[in-house]
């Protein structure tokens, strides 16, 4: 069996290895994937503009559902924020075009209408299931 090197010789090597590992992790965090390309950014990340709007998004809720704008938490039902749709009627949509969950129905739709940011509402003009 060979002799083990003295502890004093191992410590500088261990310190150098730790420094390389930490440095590598820091550089990996600065990779090119962290910056979003504007052409591929999520269109829902921005505020919904006032006035006429056409958007493909999730709609969640009962009588006055939410038009999801921004991040959507994938749960059952999904959770999001956005304006309330004042004239939505789930019964007018084709059967199977949305999830009829006990807490709140939801689905993916292409909608057009008018957004009023002052009142936090969206008046629906047309809707198509996606």
N, C-alpha and C. Protein backbone atom coordinates (compact mmCIF):
# COMPACT_ATOMS: atom_id res chain seq x y z
N UNK A 1 0.84 -1.17 0.00
CA UNK A 1 0.00 0.00 0.00
C UNK A 1 0.89 1.24 0.00
N UNK A 2 0.56 2.24 -0.81
CA UNK A 2 1.36 3.46 -0.90
C UNK A 2 1.10 4.38 0.28
N UNK A 3 1.90 5.38 0.38
CA UNK A 3 1.72 6.34 1.47
C UNK A 3 0.79 7.44 1.01
N UNK A 4 0.03 7.92 1.92
CA UNK A 4 -0.91 9.02 1.63
C UNK A 4 -0.15 10.33 1.71
N UNK A 5 -0.48 11.29 0.83
CA UNK A 5 0.20 12.59 0.88
C UNK A 5 -0.20 13.32 2.16
N UNK A 6 0.67 14.16 2.65
CA UNK A 6 0.34 14.94 3.84
C UNK A 6 -0.87 15.84 3.57
N UNK A 7 -1.66 16.06 4.60
CA UNK A 7 -2.87 16.89 4.49
C UNK A 7 -2.57 18.28 3.95
N UNK A 8 -1.42 18.81 4.24
CA UNK A 8 -1.04 20.15 3.78
C UNK A 8 -0.96 20.20 2.26
N UNK A 9 -0.64 19.06 1.61
CA UNK A 9 -0.57 19.04 0.15
C UNK A 9 -1.96 18.91 -0.47
N UNK A 10 -2.92 18.28 0.23
CA UNK A 10 -4.27 18.11 -0.31
C UNK A 10 -5.10 19.38 -0.24
N UNK A 11 -4.93 20.18 0.79
CA UNK A 11 -5.76 21.37 0.98
C UNK A 11 -5.67 22.36 -0.17
N UNK A 12 -4.48 22.70 -0.69
CA UNK A 12 -4.47 23.63 -1.82
C UNK A 12 -5.18 23.07 -3.04
N UNK A 13 -5.09 21.77 -3.27
CA UNK A 13 -5.77 21.16 -4.42
C UNK A 13 -7.29 21.21 -4.23
N UNK A 14 -7.75 20.94 -3.02
CA UNK A 14 -9.18 20.98 -2.74
C UNK A 14 -9.72 22.40 -2.90
N UNK A 15 -8.95 23.39 -2.45
CA UNK A 15 -9.37 24.79 -2.60
C UNK A 15 -9.45 25.20 -4.06
N UNK A 16 -8.48 24.76 -4.84
CA UNK A 16 -8.49 25.09 -6.27
C UNK A 16 -9.66 24.42 -6.97
N UNK A 17 -9.95 23.17 -6.61
CA UNK A 17 -11.08 22.46 -7.21
C UNK A 17 -12.40 23.15 -6.86
N UNK A 18 -12.55 23.56 -5.61
CA UNK A 18 -13.76 24.26 -5.19
C UNK A 18 -13.91 25.58 -5.95
N UNK A 19 -12.82 26.31 -6.13
CA UNK A 19 -12.87 27.59 -6.85
C UNK A 19 -13.26 27.37 -8.30
N UNK A 20 -12.73 26.33 -8.94
CA UNK A 20 -13.09 26.03 -10.33
C UNK A 20 -14.56 25.64 -10.43
N UNK A 21 -15.04 24.85 -9.49
CA UNK A 21 -16.44 24.43 -9.51
C UNK A 21 -17.37 25.62 -9.35
N UNK A 22 -17.11 26.46 -8.37
CA UNK A 22 -17.96 27.65 -8.15
C UNK A 22 -17.87 28.58 -9.35
N UNK A 23 -16.68 28.80 -9.87
CA UNK A 23 -16.53 29.67 -11.04
C UNK A 23 -17.29 29.13 -12.24
N UNK A 24 -17.22 27.83 -12.44
CA UNK A 24 -17.95 27.22 -13.55
C UNK A 24 -19.46 27.38 -13.40
N UNK A 25 -19.96 27.21 -12.18
CA UNK A 25 -21.40 27.38 -11.95
C UNK A 25 -21.84 28.82 -12.19
N UNK A 26 -21.01 29.76 -11.77
CA UNK A 26 -21.34 31.17 -11.99
C UNK A 26 -21.37 31.49 -13.47
N UNK A 27 -20.41 30.99 -14.23
CA UNK A 27 -20.40 31.23 -15.67
C UNK A 27 -21.57 30.55 -16.37
N UNK A 28 -21.93 29.36 -15.91
CA UNK A 28 -23.07 28.66 -16.52
C UNK A 28 -24.34 29.45 -16.34
N UNK A 29 -24.48 30.17 -15.23
CA UNK A 29 -25.66 30.99 -14.99
C UNK A 29 -25.74 32.20 -15.89
N UNK A 30 -24.65 32.53 -16.56
CA UNK A 30 -24.63 33.69 -17.45
C UNK A 30 -24.80 33.28 -18.90
N UNK A 31 -25.30 32.09 -19.16
CA UNK A 31 -25.45 31.58 -20.52
C UNK A 31 -26.40 32.39 -21.35
N UNK A 32 -26.43 32.13 -22.64
CA UNK A 32 -27.26 32.88 -23.58
C UNK A 32 -28.74 32.63 -23.43
N UNK A 33 -29.17 31.56 -22.75
CA UNK A 33 -30.58 31.26 -22.63
C UNK A 33 -31.31 32.19 -21.68
N UNK A 34 -30.61 32.97 -20.86
CA UNK A 34 -31.28 33.79 -19.88
C UNK A 34 -31.91 35.04 -20.48
N UNK A 35 -31.41 35.53 -21.59
CA UNK A 35 -31.98 36.71 -22.22
C UNK A 35 -33.05 36.27 -23.21
N UNK A 36 -34.22 36.90 -23.14
CA UNK A 36 -35.31 36.54 -24.03
C UNK A 36 -35.16 37.25 -25.36
N UNK A 37 -35.40 36.51 -26.42
CA UNK A 37 -35.45 37.07 -27.76
C UNK A 37 -36.83 37.70 -27.91
N UNK A 38 -36.91 39.00 -28.20
CA UNK A 38 -38.23 39.65 -28.29
C UNK A 38 -39.18 38.98 -29.26
N UNK A 39 -38.66 38.35 -30.32
CA UNK A 39 -39.54 37.73 -31.30
C UNK A 39 -40.18 36.45 -30.77
N UNK A 40 -39.61 35.84 -29.72
CA UNK A 40 -40.17 34.61 -29.17
C UNK A 40 -40.68 34.80 -27.75
N UNK A 41 -40.71 36.00 -27.25
CA UNK A 41 -41.18 36.26 -25.89
C UNK A 41 -42.68 35.97 -25.79
N UNK A 42 -43.13 35.63 -24.60
CA UNK A 42 -44.54 35.35 -24.37
C UNK A 42 -45.35 36.61 -24.61
N UNK A 43 -46.32 36.58 -25.54
CA UNK A 43 -47.10 37.78 -25.81
C UNK A 43 -47.96 38.19 -24.63
N UNK A 44 -48.20 37.28 -23.67
CA UNK A 44 -49.02 37.61 -22.52
C UNK A 44 -48.22 38.26 -21.41
N UNK A 45 -46.91 38.40 -21.59
CA UNK A 45 -46.08 38.98 -20.54
C UNK A 45 -46.33 40.48 -20.40
N UNK A 46 -46.83 41.11 -21.40
CA UNK A 46 -47.09 42.55 -21.37
C UNK A 46 -48.51 42.82 -20.87
N UNK A 47 -48.73 44.04 -20.45
CA UNK A 47 -50.08 44.46 -20.07
C UNK A 47 -50.96 44.45 -21.31
N UNK A 48 -52.21 44.15 -21.12
CA UNK A 48 -53.17 44.18 -22.22
C UNK A 48 -53.45 45.64 -22.57
N UNK A 49 -53.35 46.01 -23.84
CA UNK A 49 -53.57 47.41 -24.19
C UNK A 49 -55.05 47.80 -24.06
N UNK A 50 -55.30 49.07 -23.93
CA UNK A 50 -56.67 49.56 -23.90
C UNK A 50 -57.25 49.53 -25.30
N UNK A 51 -58.57 49.37 -25.39
CA UNK A 51 -59.25 49.39 -26.68
C UNK A 51 -59.40 48.01 -27.29
N UNK A 52 -59.47 47.97 -28.62
CA UNK A 52 -59.70 46.72 -29.35
C UNK A 52 -58.51 45.78 -29.19
N UNK A 53 -58.81 44.52 -28.86
CA UNK A 53 -57.78 43.52 -28.60
C UNK A 53 -58.18 42.19 -29.22
N UNK A 54 -57.21 41.51 -29.82
CA UNK A 54 -57.35 40.12 -30.25
C UNK A 54 -56.23 39.36 -29.59
N UNK A 55 -56.56 38.23 -28.92
CA UNK A 55 -55.54 37.50 -28.18
C UNK A 55 -55.92 36.02 -28.09
N UNK A 56 -54.90 35.17 -28.14
CA UNK A 56 -55.05 33.74 -27.87
C UNK A 56 -54.61 33.53 -26.42
N UNK A 57 -55.52 33.04 -25.58
CA UNK A 57 -55.19 32.92 -24.16
C UNK A 57 -56.11 31.93 -23.47
N UNK A 58 -55.92 31.82 -22.18
CA UNK A 58 -56.76 30.99 -21.32
C UNK A 58 -57.82 31.88 -20.69
N UNK A 59 -59.02 31.33 -20.57
CA UNK A 59 -60.12 32.00 -19.86
C UNK A 59 -60.50 31.09 -18.70
N UNK A 60 -60.60 31.67 -17.50
CA UNK A 60 -60.87 30.89 -16.28
C UNK A 60 -61.95 31.56 -15.45
N UNK A 61 -62.92 30.80 -15.00
CA UNK A 61 -63.88 31.33 -14.04
C UNK A 61 -65.32 31.06 -14.40
N UNK A 62 -66.21 31.45 -13.53
CA UNK A 62 -67.63 31.19 -13.68
C UNK A 62 -68.37 32.25 -14.46
N UNK A 63 -69.22 33.02 -13.77
CA UNK A 63 -70.09 34.00 -14.44
C UNK A 63 -69.34 35.15 -15.09
N UNK A 64 -68.30 35.63 -14.46
CA UNK A 64 -67.51 36.75 -14.99
C UNK A 64 -66.04 36.31 -14.99
N UNK A 65 -65.66 35.45 -15.95
CA UNK A 65 -64.32 34.84 -15.92
C UNK A 65 -63.19 35.82 -16.21
N UNK A 66 -61.99 35.35 -15.92
CA UNK A 66 -60.78 36.14 -16.13
C UNK A 66 -60.19 35.83 -17.49
N UNK A 67 -59.84 36.87 -18.23
CA UNK A 67 -59.07 36.75 -19.46
C UNK A 67 -57.60 36.77 -19.02
N UNK A 68 -56.94 35.62 -19.06
CA UNK A 68 -55.59 35.50 -18.51
C UNK A 68 -54.59 36.32 -19.31
N UNK A 69 -53.86 37.19 -18.61
CA UNK A 69 -52.81 38.01 -19.19
C UNK A 69 -51.59 37.84 -18.29
N UNK A 70 -50.48 37.44 -18.85
CA UNK A 70 -49.27 37.21 -18.06
C UNK A 70 -49.14 35.75 -17.70
N UNK A 71 -48.35 35.47 -16.68
CA UNK A 71 -48.09 34.08 -16.30
C UNK A 71 -49.38 33.35 -15.89
N UNK A 72 -49.44 32.08 -16.23
CA UNK A 72 -50.57 31.23 -15.86
C UNK A 72 -50.03 30.07 -15.05
N UNK A 73 -50.51 29.93 -13.82
CA UNK A 73 -50.09 28.81 -12.98
C UNK A 73 -50.90 27.58 -13.39
N UNK A 74 -50.19 26.55 -13.82
CA UNK A 74 -50.82 25.32 -14.29
C UNK A 74 -51.32 24.53 -13.09
N UNK A 75 -52.60 24.63 -12.81
CA UNK A 75 -53.25 23.89 -11.73
C UNK A 75 -54.65 23.57 -12.22
N UNK A 76 -55.46 22.99 -11.36
CA UNK A 76 -56.83 22.69 -11.74
C UNK A 76 -57.77 23.36 -10.76
N UNK A 77 -58.39 24.47 -11.11
CA UNK A 77 -58.25 25.21 -12.37
C UNK A 77 -56.97 26.04 -12.42
N UNK A 78 -56.57 26.46 -13.63
CA UNK A 78 -55.40 27.35 -13.73
C UNK A 78 -55.65 28.64 -12.96
N UNK A 79 -54.56 29.28 -12.55
CA UNK A 79 -54.65 30.55 -11.84
C UNK A 79 -53.91 31.61 -12.63
N UNK A 80 -54.54 32.77 -12.76
CA UNK A 80 -53.94 33.85 -13.54
C UNK A 80 -54.57 35.17 -13.12
N UNK A 81 -54.08 36.22 -13.73
CA UNK A 81 -54.69 37.53 -13.50
C UNK A 81 -55.01 38.15 -14.85
N UNK A 82 -55.89 39.12 -14.83
CA UNK A 82 -56.29 39.80 -16.06
C UNK A 82 -57.67 40.41 -15.87
N UNK A 83 -58.18 41.05 -16.91
CA UNK A 83 -59.50 41.69 -16.79
C UNK A 83 -60.63 40.66 -16.72
N UNK A 84 -61.72 41.06 -16.13
CA UNK A 84 -62.94 40.24 -16.08
C UNK A 84 -63.71 40.42 -17.39
N UNK A 85 -64.18 39.30 -17.93
CA UNK A 85 -65.00 39.36 -19.15
C UNK A 85 -66.44 39.56 -18.72
N UNK A 86 -67.04 40.67 -19.17
CA UNK A 86 -68.36 41.06 -18.68
C UNK A 86 -69.51 40.29 -19.32
N UNK A 87 -69.33 39.78 -20.53
CA UNK A 87 -70.46 39.16 -21.24
C UNK A 87 -70.13 37.74 -21.72
N UNK A 88 -69.43 36.97 -20.92
CA UNK A 88 -69.05 35.60 -21.26
C UNK A 88 -70.18 34.64 -20.89
N UNK A 89 -70.41 33.62 -21.74
CA UNK A 89 -71.42 32.61 -21.44
C UNK A 89 -70.86 31.24 -21.84
N UNK A 90 -70.48 30.45 -20.85
CA UNK A 90 -69.91 29.13 -21.13
C UNK A 90 -70.89 28.26 -21.91
N UNK A 91 -72.19 28.42 -21.68
CA UNK A 91 -73.20 27.59 -22.34
C UNK A 91 -73.25 27.81 -23.86
N UNK A 92 -72.77 28.95 -24.33
CA UNK A 92 -72.76 29.23 -25.76
C UNK A 92 -71.60 28.58 -26.50
N UNK A 93 -70.65 28.01 -25.78
CA UNK A 93 -69.47 27.40 -26.40
C UNK A 93 -69.75 25.94 -26.76
N UNK A 94 -69.08 25.44 -27.79
CA UNK A 94 -69.29 24.04 -28.18
C UNK A 94 -68.91 23.07 -27.06
N UNK A 95 -69.67 22.00 -26.96
CA UNK A 95 -69.38 20.97 -25.97
C UNK A 95 -67.97 20.43 -26.18
N UNK A 96 -67.23 20.28 -25.10
CA UNK A 96 -65.87 19.77 -25.17
C UNK A 96 -64.81 20.81 -25.48
N UNK A 97 -65.20 22.07 -25.63
CA UNK A 97 -64.22 23.11 -25.95
C UNK A 97 -63.57 23.71 -24.71
N UNK A 98 -64.01 23.27 -23.53
CA UNK A 98 -63.43 23.76 -22.28
C UNK A 98 -63.57 22.67 -21.21
N UNK A 99 -62.83 22.85 -20.13
CA UNK A 99 -62.90 21.94 -18.99
C UNK A 99 -63.97 22.46 -18.05
N UNK A 100 -64.98 21.64 -17.78
CA UNK A 100 -66.07 22.05 -16.91
C UNK A 100 -65.76 21.60 -15.49
N UNK A 101 -64.82 22.30 -14.85
CA UNK A 101 -64.36 21.98 -13.49
C UNK A 101 -65.36 22.51 -12.47
N UNK A 102 -65.53 21.78 -11.37
CA UNK A 102 -66.49 22.18 -10.33
C UNK A 102 -66.17 23.55 -9.74
N UNK A 103 -64.87 23.85 -9.53
CA UNK A 103 -64.50 25.14 -8.94
C UNK A 103 -64.60 26.28 -9.95
N UNK A 104 -64.16 26.03 -11.17
CA UNK A 104 -64.20 27.08 -12.20
C UNK A 104 -63.89 26.45 -13.56
N UNK A 105 -64.76 26.64 -14.54
CA UNK A 105 -64.45 26.13 -15.88
C UNK A 105 -63.30 26.93 -16.49
N UNK A 106 -62.60 26.32 -17.45
CA UNK A 106 -61.53 27.03 -18.14
C UNK A 106 -61.28 26.39 -19.50
N UNK A 107 -60.63 27.18 -20.37
CA UNK A 107 -60.27 26.68 -21.69
C UNK A 107 -59.34 27.65 -22.40
N UNK A 108 -58.85 27.19 -23.55
CA UNK A 108 -57.97 27.99 -24.40
C UNK A 108 -58.80 28.55 -25.55
N UNK A 109 -58.73 29.86 -25.73
CA UNK A 109 -59.57 30.50 -26.73
C UNK A 109 -58.83 31.62 -27.47
N UNK A 110 -59.31 31.89 -28.68
CA UNK A 110 -58.94 33.10 -29.42
C UNK A 110 -60.11 34.05 -29.22
N UNK A 111 -59.83 35.18 -28.61
CA UNK A 111 -60.91 36.12 -28.32
C UNK A 111 -60.58 37.49 -28.91
N UNK A 112 -61.64 38.23 -29.20
CA UNK A 112 -61.48 39.63 -29.59
C UNK A 112 -62.54 40.41 -28.83
N UNK A 113 -62.20 41.64 -28.53
CA UNK A 113 -63.12 42.48 -27.77
C UNK A 113 -62.47 43.80 -27.41
N UNK A 114 -63.06 44.47 -26.44
CA UNK A 114 -62.58 45.78 -26.02
C UNK A 114 -62.18 45.73 -24.55
N UNK A 115 -60.94 46.13 -24.30
CA UNK A 115 -60.41 46.15 -22.94
C UNK A 115 -60.49 47.55 -22.37
N UNK A 116 -61.03 47.65 -21.15
CA UNK A 116 -61.08 48.92 -20.42
C UNK A 116 -60.22 48.77 -19.17
N UNK A 117 -58.95 49.22 -19.22
CA UNK A 117 -58.07 49.04 -18.06
C UNK A 117 -58.52 49.82 -16.82
N UNK A 118 -59.28 50.91 -17.01
CA UNK A 118 -59.75 51.69 -15.86
C UNK A 118 -60.73 50.89 -15.01
N UNK A 119 -61.60 50.11 -15.65
CA UNK A 119 -62.57 49.31 -14.90
C UNK A 119 -62.10 47.87 -14.72
N UNK A 120 -61.02 47.49 -15.41
CA UNK A 120 -60.52 46.12 -15.31
C UNK A 120 -61.42 45.11 -15.98
N UNK A 121 -62.08 45.55 -17.07
CA UNK A 121 -63.03 44.66 -17.75
C UNK A 121 -62.67 44.48 -19.22
N UNK A 122 -63.25 43.43 -19.79
CA UNK A 122 -63.10 43.11 -21.21
C UNK A 122 -64.48 42.76 -21.74
N UNK A 123 -64.92 43.48 -22.76
CA UNK A 123 -66.21 43.21 -23.39
C UNK A 123 -65.94 42.34 -24.61
N UNK A 124 -66.46 41.13 -24.59
CA UNK A 124 -66.22 40.14 -25.63
C UNK A 124 -67.01 40.46 -26.89
N UNK A 125 -66.33 40.37 -28.05
CA UNK A 125 -66.99 40.52 -29.34
C UNK A 125 -67.08 39.18 -30.06
N UNK A 126 -66.00 38.38 -29.99
CA UNK A 126 -66.01 37.06 -30.62
C UNK A 126 -65.09 36.12 -29.87
N UNK A 127 -65.39 34.81 -29.95
CA UNK A 127 -64.59 33.79 -29.29
C UNK A 127 -64.56 32.53 -30.15
N UNK A 128 -63.39 31.94 -30.26
CA UNK A 128 -63.21 30.67 -30.96
C UNK A 128 -62.36 29.76 -30.08
N UNK A 129 -62.81 28.54 -29.82
CA UNK A 129 -61.97 27.60 -29.08
C UNK A 129 -60.68 27.31 -29.86
N UNK A 130 -59.60 27.06 -29.14
CA UNK A 130 -58.33 26.73 -29.80
C UNK A 130 -58.06 25.25 -29.65
